[in-house]
Amino acid sequence: MEFLVRAENRLPPETPDDVRERLRAGERERAMQLRADGTLCRLWRVPGRNATLGLYQAPDAAALHDALASLPMWPWLDVHVEALATHPQER
């Protein structure tokens, strides 16, 4: 199944720089692993916001949840997921 994932980072502004950098590095590393295993297909920034749009592929919603929860920033992410279905014109 494909999923459109909208995520906004709500990491508190008072987070120390060293913690922020460690989380960013961990987030990048985990995203690269998800790309390598085919879970994360595409990722876009939302200009002007600390947010992303991602196209993910997972066997089901539970597997997607596990993948998203494995991201180091997970505790601070405001996430909205939409399951996608193939449009008849795409067949």
PDB file of N, CA and C in Angstrom:
ATOM      1  N   MET A   1       0.841  -1.187   0.000  1.00  0.00           N
ATOM      2  CA  MET A   1       0.000   0.000   0.000  1.00  0.00           C
ATOM      3  C   MET A   1       0.878   1.239   0.000  1.00  0.00           C
ATOM      4  N   GLU A   2       0.363   2.279  -0.634  1.00  0.00           N
ATOM      5  CA  GLU A   2       1.062   3.563  -0.609  1.00  0.00           C
ATOM      6  C   GLU A   2       0.335   4.513   0.340  1.00  0.00           C
ATOM      7  N   PHE A   3       1.132   5.359   0.992  1.00  0.00           N
ATOM      8  CA  PHE A   3       0.602   6.311   1.960  1.00  0.00           C
ATOM      9  C   PHE A   3       1.244   7.674   1.731  1.00  0.00           C
ATOM     10  N   LEU A   4       0.434   8.724   1.807  1.00  0.00           N
ATOM     11  CA  LEU A   4       0.942  10.087   1.814  1.00  0.00           C
ATOM     12  C   LEU A   4       1.035  10.508   3.272  1.00  0.00           C
ATOM     13  N   VAL A   5       2.233  10.889   3.694  1.00  0.00           N
ATOM     14  CA  VAL A   5       2.466  11.234   5.094  1.00  0.00           C
ATOM     15  C   VAL A   5       2.878  12.697   5.181  1.00  0.00           C
ATOM     16  N   ARG A   6       2.103  13.467   5.929  1.00  0.00           N
ATOM     17  CA  ARG A   6       2.422  14.869   6.206  1.00  0.00           C
ATOM     18  C   ARG A   6       2.923  14.932   7.636  1.00  0.00           C
ATOM     19  N   ALA A   7       4.119  15.475   7.815  1.00  0.00           N
ATOM     20  CA  ALA A   7       4.709  15.537   9.150  1.00  0.00           C
ATOM     21  C   ALA A   7       5.242  16.934   9.421  1.00  0.00           C
ATOM     22  N   GLU A   8       4.886  17.453  10.568  1.00  0.00           N
ATOM     23  CA  GLU A   8       5.392  18.762  11.002  1.00  0.00           C
ATOM     24  C   GLU A   8       6.188  18.544  12.283  1.00  0.00           C
ATOM     25  N   ASN A   9       7.397  19.074  12.292  1.00  0.00           N
ATOM     26  CA  ASN A   9       8.279  18.909  13.441  1.00  0.00           C
ATOM     27  C   ASN A   9       7.929  19.943  14.509  1.00  0.00           C
ATOM     28  N   ARG A  10       7.613  19.473  15.699  1.00  0.00           N
ATOM     29  CA  ARG A  10       7.249  20.343  16.824  1.00  0.00           C
ATOM     30  C   ARG A  10       8.301  20.320  17.932  1.00  0.00           C
ATOM     31  N   LEU A  11       9.558  20.063  17.546  1.00  0.00           N
ATOM     32  CA  LEU A  11      10.639  20.078  18.529  1.00  0.00           C
ATOM     33  C   LEU A  11      10.675  21.456  19.185  1.00  0.00           C
ATOM     34  N   PRO A  12      10.653  21.514  20.514  1.00  0.00           N
ATOM     35  CA  PRO A  12      10.616  22.826  21.185  1.00  0.00           C
ATOM     36  C   PRO A  12      11.812  23.700  20.802  1.00  0.00           C
ATOM     37  N   PRO A  13      11.577  24.997  20.596  1.00  0.00           N
ATOM     38  CA  PRO A  13      12.655  25.906  20.186  1.00  0.00           C
ATOM     39  C   PRO A  13      13.795  25.979  21.202  1.00  0.00           C
ATOM     40  N   GLU A  14      13.499  25.690  22.459  1.00  0.00           N
ATOM     41  CA  GLU A  14      14.537  25.770  23.495  1.00  0.00           C
ATOM     42  C   GLU A  14      15.418  24.515  23.554  1.00  0.00           C
ATOM     43  N   THR A  15      15.206  23.568  22.640  1.00  0.00           N
ATOM     44  CA  THR A  15      16.031  22.365  22.598  1.00  0.00           C
ATOM     45  C   THR A  15      17.475  22.762  22.323  1.00  0.00           C
ATOM     46  N   PRO A  16      18.416  22.276  23.157  1.00  0.00           N
ATOM     47  CA  PRO A  16      19.830  22.630  22.947  1.00  0.00           C
ATOM     48  C   PRO A  16      20.318  22.220  21.550  1.00  0.00           C
ATOM     49  N   ASP A  17      21.237  23.008  21.012  1.00  0.00           N
ATOM     50  CA  ASP A  17      21.742  22.775  19.661  1.00  0.00           C
ATOM     51  C   ASP A  17      22.353  21.384  19.493  1.00  0.00           C
ATOM     52  N   ASP A  18      23.077  20.900  20.511  1.00  0.00           N
ATOM     53  CA  ASP A  18      23.708  19.593  20.376  1.00  0.00           C
ATOM     54  C   ASP A  18      22.654  18.481  20.299  1.00  0.00           C
ATOM     55  N   VAL A  19      21.576  18.608  21.040  1.00  0.00           N
ATOM     56  CA  VAL A  19      20.488  17.632  20.993  1.00  0.00           C
ATOM     57  C   VAL A  19      19.797  17.705  19.638  1.00  0.00           C
ATOM     58  N   ARG A  20      19.541  18.921  19.182  1.00  0.00           N
ATOM     59  CA  ARG A  20      18.902  19.133  17.880  1.00  0.00           C
ATOM     60  C   ARG A  20      19.737  18.503  16.756  1.00  0.00           C
ATOM     61  N   GLU A  21      21.048  18.699  16.781  1.00  0.00           N
ATOM     62  CA  GLU A  21      21.926  18.141  15.744  1.00  0.00           C
ATOM     63  C   GLU A  21      21.972  16.621  15.813  1.00  0.00           C
ATOM     64  N   ARG A  22      22.014  16.059  17.015  1.00  0.00           N
ATOM     65  CA  ARG A  22      22.015  14.605  17.168  1.00  0.00           C
ATOM     66  C   ARG A  22      20.728  14.001  16.610  1.00  0.00           C
ATOM     67  N   LEU A  23      19.602  14.646  16.890  1.00  0.00           N
ATOM     68  CA  LEU A  23      18.318  14.168  16.371  1.00  0.00           C
ATOM     69  C   LEU A  23      18.263  14.275  14.849  1.00  0.00           C
ATOM     70  N   ARG A  24      18.741  15.373  14.293  1.00  0.00           N
ATOM     71  CA  ARG A  24      18.756  15.541  12.829  1.00  0.00           C
ATOM     72  C   ARG A  24      19.603  14.474  12.156  1.00  0.00           C
ATOM     73  N   ALA A  25      20.779  14.208  12.731  1.00  0.00           N
ATOM     74  CA  ALA A  25      21.663  13.193  12.153  1.00  0.00           C
ATOM     75  C   ALA A  25      21.008  11.811  12.226  1.00  0.00           C
ATOM     76  N   GLY A  26      20.394  11.511  13.347  1.00  0.00           N
ATOM     77  CA  GLY A  26      19.706  10.236  13.505  1.00  0.00           C
ATOM     78  C   GLY A  26      18.524  10.111  12.563  1.00  0.00           C
ATOM     79  N   GLU A  27      17.818  11.219  12.372  1.00  0.00           N
ATOM     80  CA  GLU A  27      16.666  11.239  11.471  1.00  0.00           C
ATOM     81  C   GLU A  27      17.113  10.960  10.028  1.00  0.00           C
ATOM     82  N   ARG A  28      18.186  11.595   9.625  1.00  0.00           N
ATOM     83  CA  ARG A  28      18.703  11.381   8.265  1.00  0.00           C
ATOM     84  C   ARG A  28      19.141   9.927   8.081  1.00  0.00           C
ATOM     85  N   GLU A  29      19.862   9.398   9.052  1.00  0.00           N
ATOM     86  CA  GLU A  29      20.328   8.015   8.954  1.00  0.00           C
ATOM     87  C   GLU A  29      19.153   7.039   8.851  1.00  0.00           C
ATOM     88  N   ARG A  30      18.142   7.234   9.703  1.00  0.00           N
ATOM     89  CA  ARG A  30      16.983   6.329   9.669  1.00  0.00           C
ATOM     90  C   ARG A  30      16.201   6.490   8.365  1.00  0.00           C
ATOM     91  N   ALA A  31      16.061   7.720   7.871  1.00  0.00           N
ATOM     92  CA  ALA A  31      15.365   7.943   6.592  1.00  0.00           C
ATOM     93  C   ALA A  31      16.099   7.241   5.457  1.00  0.00           C
ATOM     94  N   MET A  32      17.415   7.258   5.469  1.00  0.00           N
ATOM     95  CA  MET A  32      18.190   6.573   4.433  1.00  0.00           C
ATOM     96  C   MET A  32      17.967   5.065   4.509  1.00  0.00           C
ATOM     97  N   GLN A  33      17.834   4.518   5.705  1.00  0.00           N
ATOM     98  CA  GLN A  33      17.546   3.088   5.859  1.00  0.00           C
ATOM     99  C   GLN A  33      16.154   2.773   5.309  1.00  0.00           C
ATOM    100  N   LEU A  34      15.183   3.638   5.598  1.00  0.00           N
ATOM    101  CA  LEU A  34      13.827   3.426   5.092  1.00  0.00           C
ATOM    102  C   LEU A  34      13.792   3.544   3.569  1.00  0.00           C
ATOM    103  N   ARG A  35      14.618   4.423   3.007  1.00  0.00           N
ATOM    104  CA  ARG A  35      14.730   4.521   1.543  1.00  0.00           C
ATOM    105  C   ARG A  35      15.311   3.225   0.980  1.00  0.00           C
ATOM    106  N   ALA A  36      16.370   2.742   1.615  1.00  0.00           N
ATOM    107  CA  ALA A  36      17.057   1.548   1.125  1.00  0.00           C
ATOM    108  C   ALA A  36      16.150   0.321   1.133  1.00  0.00           C
ATOM    109  N   ASP A  37      15.264   0.234   2.115  1.00  0.00           N
ATOM    110  CA  ASP A  37      14.388  -0.944   2.165  1.00  0.00           C
ATOM    111  C   ASP A  37      13.074  -0.742   1.402  1.00  0.00           C
ATOM    112  N   GLY A  38      12.930   0.423   0.744  1.00  0.00           N
ATOM    113  CA  GLY A  38      11.769   0.666  -0.100  1.00  0.00           C
ATOM    114  C   GLY A  38      10.555   1.221   0.614  1.00  0.00           C
ATOM    115  N   THR A  39      10.679   1.520   1.902  1.00  0.00           N
ATOM    116  CA  THR A  39       9.544   2.060   2.659  1.00  0.00           C
ATOM    117  C   THR A  39       9.320   3.531   2.328  1.00  0.00           C
ATOM    118  N   LEU A  40      10.382   4.311   2.297  1.00  0.00           N
ATOM    119  CA  LEU A  40      10.291   5.742   1.963  1.00  0.00           C
ATOM    120  C   LEU A  40      10.611   5.898   0.483  1.00  0.00           C
ATOM    121  N   CYS A  41       9.601   6.252  -0.294  1.00  0.00           N
ATOM    122  CA  CYS A  41       9.762   6.348  -1.754  1.00  0.00           C
ATOM    123  C   CYS A  41      10.189   7.745  -2.196  1.00  0.00           C
ATOM    124  N   ARG A  42       9.559   8.766  -1.650  1.00  0.00           N
ATOM    125  CA  ARG A  42       9.836  10.167  -2.012  1.00  0.00           C
ATOM    126  C   ARG A  42       9.659  11.028  -0.774  1.00  0.00           C
ATOM    127  N   LEU A  43      10.370  12.147  -0.743  1.00  0.00           N
ATOM    128  CA  LEU A  43      10.261  13.070   0.384  1.00  0.00           C
ATOM    129  C   LEU A  43      10.403  14.491  -0.128  1.00  0.00           C
ATOM    130  N   TRP A  44       9.505  15.369   0.307  1.00  0.00           N
ATOM    131  CA  TRP A  44       9.525  16.775  -0.078  1.00  0.00           C
ATOM    132  C   TRP A  44       9.517  17.648   1.164  1.00  0.00           C
ATOM    133  N   ARG A  45      10.171  18.812   1.072  1.00  0.00           N
ATOM    134  CA  ARG A  45      10.067  19.854   2.102  1.00  0.00           C
ATOM    135  C   ARG A  45       8.844  20.699   1.813  1.00  0.00           C
ATOM    136  N   VAL A  46       8.295  21.291   2.850  1.00  0.00           N
ATOM    137  CA  VAL A  46       7.226  22.274   2.676  1.00  0.00           C
ATOM    138  C   VAL A  46       7.878  23.632   2.941  1.00  0.00           C
ATOM    139  N   PRO A  47       8.089  24.453   1.894  1.00  0.00           N
ATOM    140  CA  PRO A  47       8.763  25.738   2.075  1.00  0.00           C
ATOM    141  C   PRO A  47       8.069  26.609   3.129  1.00  0.00           C
ATOM    142  N   GLY A  48       8.886  27.222   3.956  1.00  0.00           N
ATOM    143  CA  GLY A  48       8.369  28.138   4.966  1.00  0.00           C
ATOM    144  C   GLY A  48       7.884  27.464   6.242  1.00  0.00           C
ATOM    145  N   ARG A  49       7.968  26.147   6.289  1.00  0.00           N
ATOM    146  CA  ARG A  49       7.522  25.419   7.485  1.00  0.00           C
ATOM    147  C   ARG A  49       8.539  24.334   7.811  1.00  0.00           C
ATOM    148  N   ASN A  50       8.542  23.888   9.023  1.00  0.00           N
ATOM    149  CA  ASN A  50       9.393  22.778   9.426  1.00  0.00           C
ATOM    150  C   ASN A  50       8.585  21.499   9.225  1.00  0.00           C
ATOM    151  N   ALA A  51       8.271  21.212   7.950  1.00  0.00           N
ATOM    152  CA  ALA A  51       7.360  20.122   7.622  1.00  0.00           C
ATOM    153  C   ALA A  51       7.817  19.413   6.358  1.00  0.00           C
ATOM    154  N   THR A  52       7.356  18.170   6.219  1.00  0.00           N
ATOM    155  CA  THR A  52       7.654  17.369   5.048  1.00  0.00           C
ATOM    156  C   THR A  52       6.400  16.661   4.551  1.00  0.00           C
ATOM    157  N   LEU A  53       6.440  16.291   3.284  1.00  0.00           N
ATOM    158  CA  LEU A  53       5.461  15.389   2.690  1.00  0.00           C
ATOM    159  C   LEU A  53       6.251  14.182   2.207  1.00  0.00           C
ATOM    160  N   GLY A  54       5.766  13.000   2.522  1.00  0.00           N
ATOM    161  CA  GLY A  54       6.476  11.804   2.105  1.00  0.00           C
ATOM    162  C   GLY A  54       5.540  10.796   1.473  1.00  0.00           C
ATOM    163  N   LEU A  55       6.052  10.092   0.472  1.00  0.00           N
ATOM    164  CA  LEU A  55       5.334   8.978  -0.123  1.00  0.00           C
ATOM    165  C   LEU A  55       5.993   7.713   0.415  1.00  0.00           C
ATOM    166  N   TYR A  56       5.220   6.944   1.145  1.00  0.00           N
ATOM    167  CA  TYR A  56       5.715   5.730   1.780  1.00  0.00           C
ATOM    168  C   TYR A  56       5.001   4.522   1.202  1.00  0.00           C
ATOM    169  N   GLN A  57       5.678   3.375   1.253  1.00  0.00           N
ATOM    170  CA  GLN A  57       5.066   2.120   0.849  1.00  0.00           C
ATOM    171  C   GLN A  57       5.264   1.132   1.996  1.00  0.00           C
ATOM    172  N   ALA A  58       4.165   0.489   2.386  1.00  0.00           N
ATOM    173  CA  ALA A  58       4.213  -0.489   3.478  1.00  0.00           C
ATOM    174  C   ALA A  58       3.106  -1.512   3.255  1.00  0.00           C
ATOM    175  N   PRO A  59       3.266  -2.714   3.799  1.00  0.00           N
ATOM    176  CA  PRO A  59       2.238  -3.745   3.620  1.00  0.00           C
ATOM    177  C   PRO A  59       0.878  -3.346   4.186  1.00  0.00           C
ATOM    178  N   ASP A  60       0.894  -2.558   5.266  1.00  0.00           N
ATOM    179  CA  ASP A  60      -0.355  -2.131   5.899  1.00  0.00           C
ATOM    180  C   ASP A  60      -0.073  -0.945   6.819  1.00  0.00           C
ATOM    181  N   ALA A  61      -1.135  -0.412   7.411  1.00  0.00           N
ATOM    182  CA  ALA A  61      -1.007   0.771   8.266  1.00  0.00           C
ATOM    183  C   ALA A  61      -0.153   0.489   9.502  1.00  0.00           C
ATOM    184  N   ALA A  62      -0.238  -0.721  10.040  1.00  0.00           N
ATOM    185  CA  ALA A  62       0.562  -1.058  11.224  1.00  0.00           C
ATOM    186  C   ALA A  62       2.059  -1.020  10.901  1.00  0.00           C
ATOM    187  N   ALA A  63       2.445  -1.541   9.734  1.00  0.00           N
ATOM    188  CA  ALA A  63       3.852  -1.515   9.326  1.00  0.00           C
ATOM    189  C   ALA A  63       4.315  -0.079   9.091  1.00  0.00           C
ATOM    190  N   LEU A  64       3.453   0.738   8.511  1.00  0.00           N
ATOM    191  CA  LEU A  64       3.796   2.153   8.327  1.00  0.00           C
ATOM    192  C   LEU A  64       3.997   2.824   9.678  1.00  0.00           C
ATOM    193  N   HIS A  65       3.100   2.572  10.604  1.00  0.00           N
ATOM    194  CA  HIS A  65       3.222   3.161  11.942  1.00  0.00           C
ATOM    195  C   HIS A  65       4.554   2.771  12.570  1.00  0.00           C
ATOM    196  N   ASP A  66       4.928   1.511  12.464  1.00  0.00           N
ATOM    197  CA  ASP A  66       6.203   1.067  13.027  1.00  0.00           C
ATOM    198  C   ASP A  66       7.378   1.803  12.386  1.00  0.00           C
ATOM    199  N   ALA A  67       7.320   1.997  11.073  1.00  0.00           N
ATOM    200  CA  ALA A  67       8.400   2.712  10.374  1.00  0.00           C
ATOM    201  C   ALA A  67       8.480   4.161  10.845  1.00  0.00           C
ATOM    202  N   LEU A  68       7.340   4.826  10.930  1.00  0.00           N
ATOM    203  CA  LEU A  68       7.338   6.230  11.371  1.00  0.00           C
ATOM    204  C   LEU A  68       7.781   6.355  12.823  1.00  0.00           C
ATOM    205  N   ALA A  69       7.337   5.427  13.660  1.00  0.00           N
ATOM    206  CA  ALA A  69       7.700   5.472  15.086  1.00  0.00           C
ATOM    207  C   ALA A  69       9.184   5.187  15.304  1.00  0.00           C
ATOM    208  N   SER A  70       9.862   4.641  14.291  1.00  0.00           N
ATOM    209  CA  SER A  70      11.288   4.373  14.413  1.00  0.00           C
ATOM    210  C   SER A  70      12.141   5.619  14.151  1.00  0.00           C
ATOM    211  N   LEU A  71      11.522   6.692  13.695  1.00  0.00           N
ATOM    212  CA  LEU A  71      12.256   7.944  13.443  1.00  0.00           C
ATOM    213  C   LEU A  71      12.611   8.611  14.766  1.00  0.00           C
ATOM    214  N   PRO A  72      13.849   9.075  14.924  1.00  0.00           N
ATOM    215  CA  PRO A  72      14.242   9.727  16.176  1.00  0.00           C
ATOM    216  C   PRO A  72      13.379  10.928  16.558  1.00  0.00           C
ATOM    217  N   MET A  73      12.843  11.648  15.578  1.00  0.00           N
ATOM    218  CA  MET A  73      12.010  12.824  15.861  1.00  0.00           C
ATOM    219  C   MET A  73      10.561  12.457  16.175  1.00  0.00           C
ATOM    220  N   TRP A  74      10.198  11.186  16.100  1.00  0.00           N
ATOM    221  CA  TRP A  74       8.820  10.737  16.270  1.00  0.00           C
ATOM    222  C   TRP A  74       8.097  11.406  17.446  1.00  0.00           C
ATOM    223  N   PRO A  75       8.699  11.507  18.627  1.00  0.00           N
ATOM    224  CA  PRO A  75       7.957  12.099  19.760  1.00  0.00           C
ATOM    225  C   PRO A  75       7.517  13.546  19.516  1.00  0.00           C
ATOM    226  N   TRP A  76       8.157  14.228  18.574  1.00  0.00           N
ATOM    227  CA  TRP A  76       7.847  15.639  18.322  1.00  0.00           C
ATOM    228  C   TRP A  76       7.169  15.868  16.976  1.00  0.00           C
ATOM    229  N   LEU A  77       6.784  14.819  16.296  1.00  0.00           N
ATOM    230  CA  LEU A  77       6.154  14.973  14.989  1.00  0.00           C
ATOM    231  C   LEU A  77       4.635  14.989  15.101  1.00  0.00           C
ATOM    232  N   ASP A  78       4.044  15.928  14.405  1.00  0.00           N
ATOM    233  CA  ASP A  78       2.591  15.966  14.224  1.00  0.00           C
ATOM    234  C   ASP A  78       2.365  15.331  12.849  1.00  0.00           C
ATOM    235  N   VAL A  79       1.821  14.111  12.828  1.00  0.00           N
ATOM    236  CA  VAL A  79       1.754  13.306  11.609  1.00  0.00           C
ATOM    237  C   VAL A  79       0.308  13.091  11.168  1.00  0.00           C
ATOM    238  N   HIS A  80       0.099  13.241   9.875  1.00  0.00           N
ATOM    239  CA  HIS A  80      -1.198  12.942   9.260  1.00  0.00           C
ATOM    240  C   HIS A  80      -0.933  11.983   8.100  1.00  0.00           C
ATOM    241  N   VAL A  81      -1.669  10.880   8.075  1.00  0.00           N
ATOM    242  CA  VAL A  81      -1.457   9.834   7.071  1.00  0.00           C
ATOM    243  C   VAL A  81      -2.716   9.660   6.244  1.00  0.00           C
ATOM    244  N   GLU A  82      -2.529   9.544   4.945  1.00  0.00           N
ATOM    245  CA  GLU A  82      -3.630   9.230   4.034  1.00  0.00           C
ATOM    246  C   GLU A  82      -3.239   7.995   3.234  1.00  0.00           C
ATOM    247  N   ALA A  83      -4.059   6.951   3.332  1.00  0.00           N
ATOM    248  CA  ALA A  83      -3.844   5.772   2.491  1.00  0.00           C
ATOM    249  C   ALA A  83      -4.231   6.142   1.069  1.00  0.00           C
ATOM    250  N   LEU A  84      -3.461   5.669   0.109  1.00  0.00           N
ATOM    251  CA  LEU A  84      -3.705   5.987  -1.291  1.00  0.00           C
ATOM    252  C   LEU A  84      -4.162   4.749  -2.048  1.00  0.00           C
ATOM    253  N   ALA A  85      -5.088   4.943  -2.972  1.00  0.00           N
ATOM    254  CA  ALA A  85      -5.571   3.869  -3.833  1.00  0.00           C
ATOM    255  C   ALA A  85      -5.349   4.299  -5.280  1.00  0.00           C
ATOM    256  N   THR A  86      -5.068   3.350  -6.134  1.00  0.00           N
ATOM    257  CA  THR A  86      -4.844   3.643  -7.540  1.00  0.00           C
ATOM    258  C   THR A  86      -6.128   4.170  -8.183  1.00  0.00           C
ATOM    259  N   HIS A  87      -5.983   5.261  -8.890  1.00  0.00           N
ATOM    260  CA  HIS A  87      -7.099   5.847  -9.621  1.00  0.00           C
ATOM    261  C   HIS A  87      -7.358   5.016 -10.868  1.00  0.00           C
ATOM    262  N   PRO A  88      -8.623   4.843 -11.265  1.00  0.00           N
ATOM    263  CA  PRO A  88      -8.911   4.040 -12.452  1.00  0.00           C
ATOM    264  C   PRO A  88      -8.183   4.517 -13.715  1.00  0.00           C
ATOM    265  N   GLN A  89      -7.895   5.800 -13.832  1.00  0.00           N
ATOM    266  CA  GLN A  89      -7.182   6.308 -15.016  1.00  0.00           C
ATOM    267  C   GLN A  89      -5.712   5.875 -15.035  1.00  0.00           C
ATOM    268  N   GLU A  90      -5.220   5.395 -13.909  1.00  0.00           N
ATOM    269  CA  GLU A  90      -3.815   4.963 -13.817  1.00  0.00           C
ATOM    270  C   GLU A  90      -3.647   3.488 -14.211  1.00  0.00           C
ATOM    271  N   ARG A  91      -4.709   2.787 -14.454  1.00  0.00           N
ATOM    272  CA  ARG A  91      -4.616   1.352 -14.759  1.00  0.00           C
ATOM    273  C   ARG A  91      -4.415   1.115 -16.225  1.00  0.00           C
TER     274      ARG A  91
END
